[in-house]
Amino acid sequence: MLLEQYNFKREVLDDPGPVLVDFWAAWCGPCRAMNPVLAAISRDFKVCKVNTETNPQLASKFEVSAIPLLLIFRHGRVVQRFEGVTDETTLRAELARG
């Protein structure tokens, strides 16, 4: 499931997880480069996208200072943080952890 518009609390914080959250912006080349990886991962795991331009409050709350920023949540808590382009194998391995 690849969600772009959703209720963050319901879809991420209230979900036991894992949930991968992608903080991105339309002008960001590396963010666009992550799209095929995120689409592939979304076939097996929940992936939510947060546009930092239209959701500055969420970007601030999670201290986004560089994008793409990929956060993995479990039980509403961030358990892993990846800044920049990250390969699919790394993300899948972390999502599959118990």
PDB file of N, CA and C in Angstrom:
ATOM      1  N   MET A   1       0.854  -1.164   0.000  1.00  0.00           N
ATOM      2  CA  MET A   1       0.000   0.000   0.000  1.00  0.00           C
ATOM      3  C   MET A   1       0.903   1.232   0.000  1.00  0.00           C
ATOM      4  N   LEU A   2       0.761   2.066  -1.004  1.00  0.00           N
ATOM      5  CA  LEU A   2       1.525   3.299  -1.105  1.00  0.00           C
ATOM      6  C   LEU A   2       0.547   4.448  -0.904  1.00  0.00           C
ATOM      7  N   LEU A   3       0.616   5.075   0.255  1.00  0.00           N
ATOM      8  CA  LEU A   3      -0.329   6.132   0.602  1.00  0.00           C
ATOM      9  C   LEU A   3       0.324   7.498   0.462  1.00  0.00           C
ATOM     10  N   GLU A   4      -0.355   8.404  -0.221  1.00  0.00           N
ATOM     11  CA  GLU A   4       0.158   9.758  -0.343  1.00  0.00           C
ATOM     12  C   GLU A   4      -0.707  10.753   0.428  1.00  0.00           C
ATOM     13  N   GLN A   5      -1.990  10.482   0.521  1.00  0.00           N
ATOM     14  CA  GLN A   5      -2.859  11.340   1.314  1.00  0.00           C
ATOM     15  C   GLN A   5      -3.585  10.437   2.300  1.00  0.00           C
ATOM     16  N   TYR A   6      -3.429  10.741   3.569  1.00  0.00           N
ATOM     17  CA  TYR A   6      -3.952   9.845   4.590  1.00  0.00           C
ATOM     18  C   TYR A   6      -3.931  10.565   5.933  1.00  0.00           C
ATOM     19  N   ASN A   7      -4.483   9.905   6.923  1.00  0.00           N
ATOM     20  CA  ASN A   7      -4.440  10.403   8.283  1.00  0.00           C
ATOM     21  C   ASN A   7      -3.189   9.823   8.940  1.00  0.00           C
ATOM     22  N   PHE A   8      -2.192  10.669   9.207  1.00  0.00           N
ATOM     23  CA  PHE A   8      -0.902  10.198   9.723  1.00  0.00           C
ATOM     24  C   PHE A   8      -1.063   9.420  11.020  1.00  0.00           C
ATOM     25  N   LYS A   9      -1.896   9.916  11.915  1.00  0.00           N
ATOM     26  CA  LYS A   9      -2.084   9.231  13.194  1.00  0.00           C
ATOM     27  C   LYS A   9      -2.637   7.830  12.978  1.00  0.00           C
ATOM     28  N   ARG A  10      -3.696   7.712  12.189  1.00  0.00           N
ATOM     29  CA  ARG A  10      -4.332   6.415  11.968  1.00  0.00           C
ATOM     30  C   ARG A  10      -3.426   5.467  11.188  1.00  0.00           C
ATOM     31  N   GLU A  11      -2.828   5.939  10.112  1.00  0.00           N
ATOM     32  CA  GLU A  11      -2.073   5.066   9.214  1.00  0.00           C
ATOM     33  C   GLU A  11      -0.656   4.750   9.691  1.00  0.00           C
ATOM     34  N   VAL A  12      -0.078   5.623  10.521  1.00  0.00           N
ATOM     35  CA  VAL A  12       1.303   5.414  10.955  1.00  0.00           C
ATOM     36  C   VAL A  12       1.398   5.215  12.460  1.00  0.00           C
ATOM     37  N   LEU A  13       0.955   6.180  13.229  1.00  0.00           N
ATOM     38  CA  LEU A  13       1.152   6.133  14.677  1.00  0.00           C
ATOM     39  C   LEU A  13       0.314   5.053  15.362  1.00  0.00           C
ATOM     40  N   ASP A  14      -0.895   4.809  14.857  1.00  0.00           N
ATOM     41  CA  ASP A  14      -1.759   3.798  15.472  1.00  0.00           C
ATOM     42  C   ASP A  14      -1.549   2.394  14.899  1.00  0.00           C
ATOM     43  N   ASP A  15      -0.745   2.280  13.865  1.00  0.00           N
ATOM     44  CA  ASP A  15      -0.488   0.985  13.232  1.00  0.00           C
ATOM     45  C   ASP A  15       0.660   0.295  13.969  1.00  0.00           C
ATOM     46  N   PRO A  16       0.518  -1.001  14.303  1.00  0.00           N
ATOM     47  CA  PRO A  16       1.625  -1.677  14.985  1.00  0.00           C
ATOM     48  C   PRO A  16       2.871  -1.819  14.108  1.00  0.00           C
ATOM     49  N   GLY A  17       2.685  -1.681  12.813  1.00  0.00           N
ATOM     50  CA  GLY A  17       3.829  -1.646  11.906  1.00  0.00           C
ATOM     51  C   GLY A  17       4.277  -2.998  11.430  1.00  0.00           C
ATOM     52  N   PRO A  18       5.314  -2.993  10.650  1.00  0.00           N
ATOM     53  CA  PRO A  18       6.138  -1.844  10.309  1.00  0.00           C
ATOM     54  C   PRO A  18       5.486  -0.950   9.255  1.00  0.00           C
ATOM     55  N   VAL A  19       5.803   0.335   9.321  1.00  0.00           N
ATOM     56  CA  VAL A  19       5.358   1.312   8.339  1.00  0.00           C
ATOM     57  C   VAL A  19       6.584   2.119   7.918  1.00  0.00           C
ATOM     58  N   LEU A  20       6.807   2.211   6.615  1.00  0.00           N
ATOM     59  CA  LEU A  20       7.889   3.023   6.082  1.00  0.00           C
ATOM     60  C   LEU A  20       7.307   4.362   5.665  1.00  0.00           C
ATOM     61  N   VAL A  21       7.871   5.449   6.195  1.00  0.00           N
ATOM     62  CA  VAL A  21       7.406   6.791   5.860  1.00  0.00           C
ATOM     63  C   VAL A  21       8.520   7.505   5.105  1.00  0.00           C
ATOM     64  N   ASP A  22       8.167   8.002   3.921  1.00  0.00           N
ATOM     65  CA  ASP A  22       9.096   8.713   3.048  1.00  0.00           C
ATOM     66  C   ASP A  22       8.796  10.199   3.110  1.00  0.00           C
ATOM     67  N   PHE A  23       9.724  10.987   3.640  1.00  0.00           N
ATOM     68  CA  PHE A  23       9.616  12.442   3.614  1.00  0.00           C
ATOM     69  C   PHE A  23      10.315  12.903   2.346  1.00  0.00           C
ATOM     70  N   TRP A  24       9.607  13.629   1.479  1.00  0.00           N
ATOM     71  CA  TRP A  24      10.100  13.976   0.155  1.00  0.00           C
ATOM     72  C   TRP A  24       9.591  15.352  -0.268  1.00  0.00           C
ATOM     73  N   ALA A  25      10.056  15.819  -1.428  1.00  0.00           N
ATOM     74  CA  ALA A  25       9.545  17.036  -2.054  1.00  0.00           C
ATOM     75  C   ALA A  25       9.631  16.858  -3.562  1.00  0.00           C
ATOM     76  N   ALA A  26       8.729  17.503  -4.283  1.00  0.00           N
ATOM     77  CA  ALA A  26       8.651  17.351  -5.737  1.00  0.00           C
ATOM     78  C   ALA A  26       9.928  17.807  -6.442  1.00  0.00           C
ATOM     79  N   TRP A  27      10.609  18.802  -5.906  1.00  0.00           N
ATOM     80  CA  TRP A  27      11.811  19.347  -6.549  1.00  0.00           C
ATOM     81  C   TRP A  27      13.067  18.511  -6.293  1.00  0.00           C
ATOM     82  N   CYS A  28      12.963  17.487  -5.469  1.00  0.00           N
ATOM     83  CA  CYS A  28      14.114  16.704  -5.015  1.00  0.00           C
ATOM     84  C   CYS A  28      14.400  15.526  -5.953  1.00  0.00           C
ATOM     85  N   GLY A  29      15.510  15.595  -6.690  1.00  0.00           N
ATOM     86  CA  GLY A  29      15.911  14.524  -7.590  1.00  0.00           C
ATOM     87  C   GLY A  29      16.124  13.189  -6.898  1.00  0.00           C
ATOM     88  N   PRO A  30      16.876  13.153  -5.797  1.00  0.00           N
ATOM     89  CA  PRO A  30      17.047  11.878  -5.090  1.00  0.00           C
ATOM     90  C   PRO A  30      15.723  11.288  -4.589  1.00  0.00           C
ATOM     91  N   CYS A  31      14.776  12.167  -4.239  1.00  0.00           N
ATOM     92  CA  CYS A  31      13.452  11.682  -3.817  1.00  0.00           C
ATOM     93  C   CYS A  31      12.765  10.971  -4.974  1.00  0.00           C
ATOM     94  N   ARG A  32      12.833  11.553  -6.163  1.00  0.00           N
ATOM     95  CA  ARG A  32      12.230  10.921  -7.345  1.00  0.00           C
ATOM     96  C   ARG A  32      12.933   9.603  -7.664  1.00  0.00           C
ATOM     97  N   ALA A  33      14.239   9.540  -7.429  1.00  0.00           N
ATOM     98  CA  ALA A  33      14.990   8.309  -7.676  1.00  0.00           C
ATOM     99  C   ALA A  33      14.526   7.175  -6.770  1.00  0.00           C
ATOM    100  N   MET A  34      13.988   7.501  -5.599  1.00  0.00           N
ATOM    101  CA  MET A  34      13.506   6.484  -4.658  1.00  0.00           C
ATOM    102  C   MET A  34      12.142   5.919  -5.044  1.00  0.00           C
ATOM    103  N   ASN A  35      11.403   6.585  -5.928  1.00  0.00           N
ATOM    104  CA  ASN A  35      10.035   6.158  -6.246  1.00  0.00           C
ATOM    105  C   ASN A  35       9.920   4.709  -6.704  1.00  0.00           C
ATOM    106  N   PRO A  36      10.770   4.203  -7.618  1.00  0.00           N
ATOM    107  CA  PRO A  36      10.631   2.791  -8.007  1.00  0.00           C
ATOM    108  C   PRO A  36      10.891   1.822  -6.840  1.00  0.00           C
ATOM    109  N   VAL A  37      11.837   2.157  -5.984  1.00  0.00           N
ATOM    110  CA  VAL A  37      12.137   1.324  -4.812  1.00  0.00           C
ATOM    111  C   VAL A  37      10.934   1.301  -3.875  1.00  0.00           C
ATOM    112  N   LEU A  38      10.366   2.463  -3.614  1.00  0.00           N
ATOM    113  CA  LEU A  38       9.217   2.540  -2.706  1.00  0.00           C
ATOM    114  C   LEU A  38       8.000   1.839  -3.288  1.00  0.00           C
ATOM    115  N   ALA A  39       7.808   1.937  -4.605  1.00  0.00           N
ATOM    116  CA  ALA A  39       6.687   1.246  -5.239  1.00  0.00           C
ATOM    117  C   ALA A  39       6.853  -0.269  -5.097  1.00  0.00           C
ATOM    118  N   ALA A  40       8.068  -0.758  -5.270  1.00  0.00           N
ATOM    119  CA  ALA A  40       8.325  -2.198  -5.125  1.00  0.00           C
ATOM    120  C   ALA A  40       8.091  -2.653  -3.689  1.00  0.00           C
ATOM    121  N   ILE A  41       8.590  -1.884  -2.744  1.00  0.00           N
ATOM    122  CA  ILE A  41       8.425  -2.234  -1.332  1.00  0.00           C
ATOM    123  C   ILE A  41       6.960  -2.199  -0.923  1.00  0.00           C
ATOM    124  N   SER A  42       6.196  -1.268  -1.507  1.00  0.00           N
ATOM    125  CA  SER A  42       4.790  -1.108  -1.116  1.00  0.00           C
ATOM    126  C   SER A  42       3.937  -2.310  -1.496  1.00  0.00           C
ATOM    127  N   ARG A  43       4.453  -3.210  -2.318  1.00  0.00           N
ATOM    128  CA  ARG A  43       3.711  -4.437  -2.635  1.00  0.00           C
ATOM    129  C   ARG A  43       3.701  -5.388  -1.438  1.00  0.00           C
ATOM    130  N   ASP A  44       4.675  -5.233  -0.529  1.00  0.00           N
ATOM    131  CA  ASP A  44       4.795  -6.138   0.611  1.00  0.00           C
ATOM    132  C   ASP A  44       4.660  -5.468   1.972  1.00  0.00           C
ATOM    133  N   PHE A  45       4.862  -4.168   2.024  1.00  0.00           N
ATOM    134  CA  PHE A  45       4.825  -3.419   3.285  1.00  0.00           C
ATOM    135  C   PHE A  45       4.058  -2.116   3.076  1.00  0.00           C
ATOM    136  N   LYS A  46       3.581  -1.561   4.166  1.00  0.00           N
ATOM    137  CA  LYS A  46       2.900  -0.273   4.099  1.00  0.00           C
ATOM    138  C   LYS A  46       3.945   0.828   3.942  1.00  0.00           C
ATOM    139  N   VAL A  47       3.742   1.684   2.932  1.00  0.00           N
ATOM    140  CA  VAL A  47       4.615   2.825   2.670  1.00  0.00           C
ATOM    141  C   VAL A  47       3.746   4.072   2.602  1.00  0.00           C
ATOM    142  N   CYS A  48       4.087   5.073   3.387  1.00  0.00           N
ATOM    143  CA  CYS A  48       3.379   6.347   3.382  1.00  0.00           C
ATOM    144  C   CYS A  48       4.351   7.439   2.973  1.00  0.00           C
ATOM    145  N   LYS A  49       3.881   8.354   2.139  1.00  0.00           N
ATOM    146  CA  LYS A  49       4.718   9.447   1.663  1.00  0.00           C
ATOM    147  C   LYS A  49       4.241  10.751   2.294  1.00  0.00           C
ATOM    148  N   VAL A  50       5.186  11.562   2.756  1.00  0.00           N
ATOM    149  CA  VAL A  50       4.872  12.862   3.342  1.00  0.00           C
ATOM    150  C   VAL A  50       5.622  13.924   2.556  1.00  0.00           C
ATOM    151  N   ASN A  51       4.882  14.757   1.849  1.00  0.00           N
ATOM    152  CA  ASN A  51       5.480  15.868   1.110  1.00  0.00           C
ATOM    153  C   ASN A  51       5.852  16.951   2.124  1.00  0.00           C
ATOM    154  N   THR A  52       7.129  17.243   2.232  1.00  0.00           N
ATOM    155  CA  THR A  52       7.589  18.213   3.235  1.00  0.00           C
ATOM    156  C   THR A  52       7.132  19.633   2.924  1.00  0.00           C
ATOM    157  N   GLU A  53       6.820  19.902   1.655  1.00  0.00           N
ATOM    158  CA  GLU A  53       6.358  21.245   1.279  1.00  0.00           C
ATOM    159  C   GLU A  53       4.929  21.493   1.755  1.00  0.00           C
ATOM    160  N   THR A  54       4.099  20.476   1.712  1.00  0.00           N
ATOM    161  CA  THR A  54       2.697  20.639   2.097  1.00  0.00           C
ATOM    162  C   THR A  54       2.420  20.180   3.529  1.00  0.00           C
ATOM    163  N   ASN A  55       3.409  19.553   4.163  1.00  0.00           N
ATOM    164  CA  ASN A  55       3.263  19.079   5.544  1.00  0.00           C
ATOM    165  C   ASN A  55       4.459  19.510   6.400  1.00  0.00           C
ATOM    166  N   PRO A  56       4.726  20.812   6.465  1.00  0.00           N
ATOM    167  CA  PRO A  56       5.904  21.263   7.210  1.00  0.00           C
ATOM    168  C   PRO A  56       5.839  20.935   8.699  1.00  0.00           C
ATOM    169  N   GLN A  57       4.634  20.823   9.257  1.00  0.00           N
ATOM    170  CA  GLN A  57       4.509  20.507  10.677  1.00  0.00           C
ATOM    171  C   GLN A  57       5.007  19.098  10.967  1.00  0.00           C
ATOM    172  N   LEU A  58       4.711  18.145  10.086  1.00  0.00           N
ATOM    173  CA  LEU A  58       5.217  16.776  10.282  1.00  0.00           C
ATOM    174  C   LEU A  58       6.723  16.719  10.060  1.00  0.00           C
ATOM    175  N   ALA A  59       7.198  17.445   9.062  1.00  0.00           N
ATOM    176  CA  ALA A  59       8.639  17.481   8.804  1.00  0.00           C
ATOM    177  C   ALA A  59       9.378  18.040  10.017  1.00  0.00           C
ATOM    178  N   SER A  60       8.823  19.054  10.619  1.00  0.00           N
ATOM    179  CA  SER A  60       9.430  19.648  11.813  1.00  0.00           C
ATOM    180  C   SER A  60       9.381  18.682  12.992  1.00  0.00           C
ATOM    181  N   LYS A  61       8.233  18.051  13.187  1.00  0.00           N
ATOM    182  CA  LYS A  61       8.068  17.127  14.309  1.00  0.00           C
ATOM    183  C   LYS A  61       9.099  15.999  14.267  1.00  0.00           C
ATOM    184  N   PHE A  62       9.414  15.513  13.052  1.00  0.00           N
ATOM    185  CA  PHE A  62      10.358  14.413  12.932  1.00  0.00           C
ATOM    186  C   PHE A  62      11.760  14.879  12.533  1.00  0.00           C
ATOM    187  N   GLU A  63      12.010  16.170  12.727  1.00  0.00           N
ATOM    188  CA  GLU A  63      13.336  16.773  12.548  1.00  0.00           C
ATOM    189  C   GLU A  63      13.958  16.444  11.197  1.00  0.00           C
ATOM    190  N   VAL A  64      13.175  16.664  10.150  1.00  0.00           N
ATOM    191  CA  VAL A  64      13.657  16.422   8.795  1.00  0.00           C
ATOM    192  C   VAL A  64      14.569  17.578   8.401  1.00  0.00           C
ATOM    193  N   SER A  65      15.841  17.281   8.203  1.00  0.00           N
ATOM    194  CA  SER A  65      16.800  18.312   7.796  1.00  0.00           C
ATOM    195  C   SER A  65      17.354  18.046   6.408  1.00  0.00           C
ATOM    196  N   ALA A  66      17.143  16.850   5.879  1.00  0.00           N
ATOM    197  CA  ALA A  66      17.573  16.486   4.536  1.00  0.00           C
ATOM    198  C   ALA A  66      16.574  15.475   3.987  1.00  0.00           C
ATOM    199  N   ILE A  67      16.368  15.528   2.671  1.00  0.00           N
ATOM    200  CA  ILE A  67      15.451  14.583   2.041  1.00  0.00           C
ATOM    201  C   ILE A  67      16.145  13.912   0.865  1.00  0.00           C
ATOM    202  N   PRO A  68      15.756  12.710   0.517  1.00  0.00           N
ATOM    203  CA  PRO A  68      14.705  11.943   1.159  1.00  0.00           C
ATOM    204  C   PRO A  68      15.119  11.461   2.555  1.00  0.00           C
ATOM    205  N   LEU A  69      14.141  11.440   3.429  1.00  0.00           N
ATOM    206  CA  LEU A  69      14.319  10.870   4.760  1.00  0.00           C
ATOM    207  C   LEU A  69      13.304   9.745   4.883  1.00  0.00           C
ATOM    208  N   LEU A  70      13.786   8.570   5.194  1.00  0.00           N
ATOM    209  CA  LEU A  70      12.936   7.393   5.324  1.00  0.00           C
ATOM    210  C   LEU A  70      12.941   6.948   6.777  1.00  0.00           C
ATOM    211  N   LEU A  71      11.758   6.912   7.374  1.00  0.00           N
ATOM    212  CA  LEU A  71      11.616   6.481   8.758  1.00  0.00           C
ATOM    213  C   LEU A  71      10.809   5.197   8.798  1.00  0.00           C
ATOM    214  N   ILE A  72      11.258   4.256   9.601  1.00  0.00           N
ATOM    215  CA  ILE A  72      10.494   3.035   9.819  1.00  0.00           C
ATOM    216  C   ILE A  72       9.895   3.113  11.218  1.00  0.00           C
ATOM    217  N   PHE A  73       8.566   2.950  11.262  1.00  0.00           N
ATOM    218  CA  PHE A  73       7.807   3.003  12.513  1.00  0.00           C
ATOM    219  C   PHE A  73       7.346   1.610  12.877  1.00  0.00           C
ATOM    220  N   ARG A  74       7.365   1.334  14.177  1.00  0.00           N
ATOM    221  CA  ARG A  74       6.713   0.159  14.752  1.00  0.00           C
ATOM    222  C   ARG A  74       5.999   0.641  16.006  1.00  0.00           C
ATOM    223  N   HIS A  75       4.741   0.287  16.128  1.00  0.00           N
ATOM    224  CA  HIS A  75       3.937   0.690  17.296  1.00  0.00           C
ATOM    225  C   HIS A  75       4.019   2.192  17.533  1.00  0.00           C
ATOM    226  N   GLY A  76       3.997   2.969  16.447  1.00  0.00           N
ATOM    227  CA  GLY A  76       3.970   4.420  16.559  1.00  0.00           C
ATOM    228  C   GLY A  76       5.294   5.076  16.893  1.00  0.00           C
ATOM    229  N   ARG A  77       6.354   4.299  16.938  1.00  0.00           N
ATOM    230  CA  ARG A  77       7.679   4.846  17.284  1.00  0.00           C
ATOM    231  C   ARG A  77       8.655   4.645  16.133  1.00  0.00           C
ATOM    232  N   VAL A  78       9.519   5.625  15.946  1.00  0.00           N
ATOM    233  CA  VAL A  78      10.567   5.504  14.932  1.00  0.00           C
ATOM    234  C   VAL A  78      11.611   4.514  15.444  1.00  0.00           C
ATOM    235  N   VAL A  79      11.867   3.467  14.656  1.00  0.00           N
ATOM    236  CA  VAL A  79      12.860   2.466  15.051  1.00  0.00           C
ATOM    237  C   VAL A  79      14.096   2.502  14.154  1.00  0.00           C
ATOM    238  N   GLN A  80      13.974   3.174  13.002  1.00  0.00           N
ATOM    239  CA  GLN A  80      15.125   3.282  12.108  1.00  0.00           C
ATOM    240  C   GLN A  80      14.959   4.521  11.241  1.00  0.00           C
ATOM    241  N   ARG A  81      16.080   5.136  10.914  1.00  0.00           N
ATOM    242  CA  ARG A  81      16.097   6.384  10.158  1.00  0.00           C
ATOM    243  C   ARG A  81      17.162   6.267   9.072  1.00  0.00           C
ATOM    244  N   PHE A  82      16.773   6.557   7.822  1.00  0.00           N
ATOM    245  CA  PHE A  82      17.697   6.527   6.693  1.00  0.00           C
ATOM    246  C   PHE A  82      17.627   7.867   5.971  1.00  0.00           C
ATOM    247  N   GLU A  83      18.751   8.547   5.839  1.00  0.00           N
ATOM    248  CA  GLU A  83      18.802   9.804   5.097  1.00  0.00           C
ATOM    249  C   GLU A  83      19.428   9.557   3.745  1.00  0.00           C
ATOM    250  N   GLY A  84      18.828  10.144   2.707  1.00  0.00           N
ATOM    251  CA  GLY A  84      19.359  10.003   1.360  1.00  0.00           C
ATOM    252  C   GLY A  84      18.841   8.755   0.678  1.00  0.00           C
ATOM    253  N   VAL A  85      19.324   8.554  -0.540  1.00  0.00           N
ATOM    254  CA  VAL A  85      18.920   7.390  -1.320  1.00  0.00           C
ATOM    255  C   VAL A  85      19.370   6.127  -0.585  1.00  0.00           C
ATOM    256  N   THR A  86      18.454   5.200  -0.407  1.00  0.00           N
ATOM    257  CA  THR A  86      18.714   3.957   0.329  1.00  0.00           C
ATOM    258  C   THR A  86      18.275   2.787  -0.535  1.00  0.00           C
ATOM    259  N   ASP A  87      19.083   1.747  -0.584  1.00  0.00           N
ATOM    260  CA  ASP A  87      18.760   0.636  -1.475  1.00  0.00           C
ATOM    261  C   ASP A  87      17.615  -0.217  -0.921  1.00  0.00           C
ATOM    262  N   GLU A  88      16.940  -0.880  -1.837  1.00  0.00           N
ATOM    263  CA  GLU A  88      15.767  -1.687  -1.505  1.00  0.00           C
ATOM    264  C   GLU A  88      16.096  -2.809  -0.530  1.00  0.00           C
ATOM    265  N   THR A  89      17.238  -3.459  -0.715  1.00  0.00           N
ATOM    266  CA  THR A  89      17.622  -4.571   0.155  1.00  0.00           C
ATOM    267  C   THR A  89      17.731  -4.129   1.604  1.00  0.00           C
ATOM    268  N   THR A  90      18.358  -2.996   1.832  1.00  0.00           N
ATOM    269  CA  THR A  90      18.512  -2.465   3.191  1.00  0.00           C
ATOM    270  C   THR A  90      17.155  -2.177   3.821  1.00  0.00           C
ATOM    271  N   LEU A  91      16.277  -1.519   3.059  1.00  0.00           N
ATOM    272  CA  LEU A  91      14.965  -1.174   3.589  1.00  0.00           C
ATOM    273  C   LEU A  91      14.134  -2.436   3.865  1.00  0.00           C
ATOM    274  N   ARG A  92      14.154  -3.388   2.956  1.00  0.00           N
ATOM    275  CA  ARG A  92      13.386  -4.620   3.154  1.00  0.00           C
ATOM    276  C   ARG A  92      13.891  -5.383   4.388  1.00  0.00           C
ATOM    277  N   ALA A  93      15.203  -5.433   4.559  1.00  0.00           N
ATOM    278  CA  ALA A  93      15.757  -6.145   5.708  1.00  0.00           C
ATOM    279  C   ALA A  93      15.282  -5.525   7.014  1.00  0.00           C
ATOM    280  N   GLU A  94      15.279  -4.203   7.077  1.00  0.00           N
ATOM    281  CA  GLU A  94      14.842  -3.535   8.301  1.00  0.00           C
ATOM    282  C   GLU A  94      13.339  -3.704   8.513  1.00  0.00           C
ATOM    283  N   LEU A  95      12.561  -3.628   7.454  1.00  0.00           N
ATOM    284  CA  LEU A  95      11.108  -3.804   7.575  1.00  0.00           C
ATOM    285  C   LEU A  95      10.751  -5.222   8.017  1.00  0.00           C
ATOM    286  N   ALA A  96      11.541  -6.197   7.612  1.00  0.00           N
ATOM    287  CA  ALA A  96      11.262  -7.595   7.934  1.00  0.00           C
ATOM    288  C   ALA A  96      11.663  -7.977   9.353  1.00  0.00           C
ATOM    289  N   ARG A  97      12.463  -7.143  10.004  1.00  0.00           N
ATOM    290  CA  ARG A  97      12.878  -7.450  11.381  1.00  0.00           C
ATOM    291  C   ARG A  97      11.676  -7.457  12.303  1.00  0.00           C
ATOM    292  N   GLY A  98      11.720  -8.298  13.300  1.00  0.00           N
ATOM    293  CA  GLY A  98      10.591  -8.445  14.225  1.00  0.00           C
ATOM    294  C   GLY A  98      10.451  -7.425  15.237  1.00  0.00           C
TER     295      GLY A  98
END
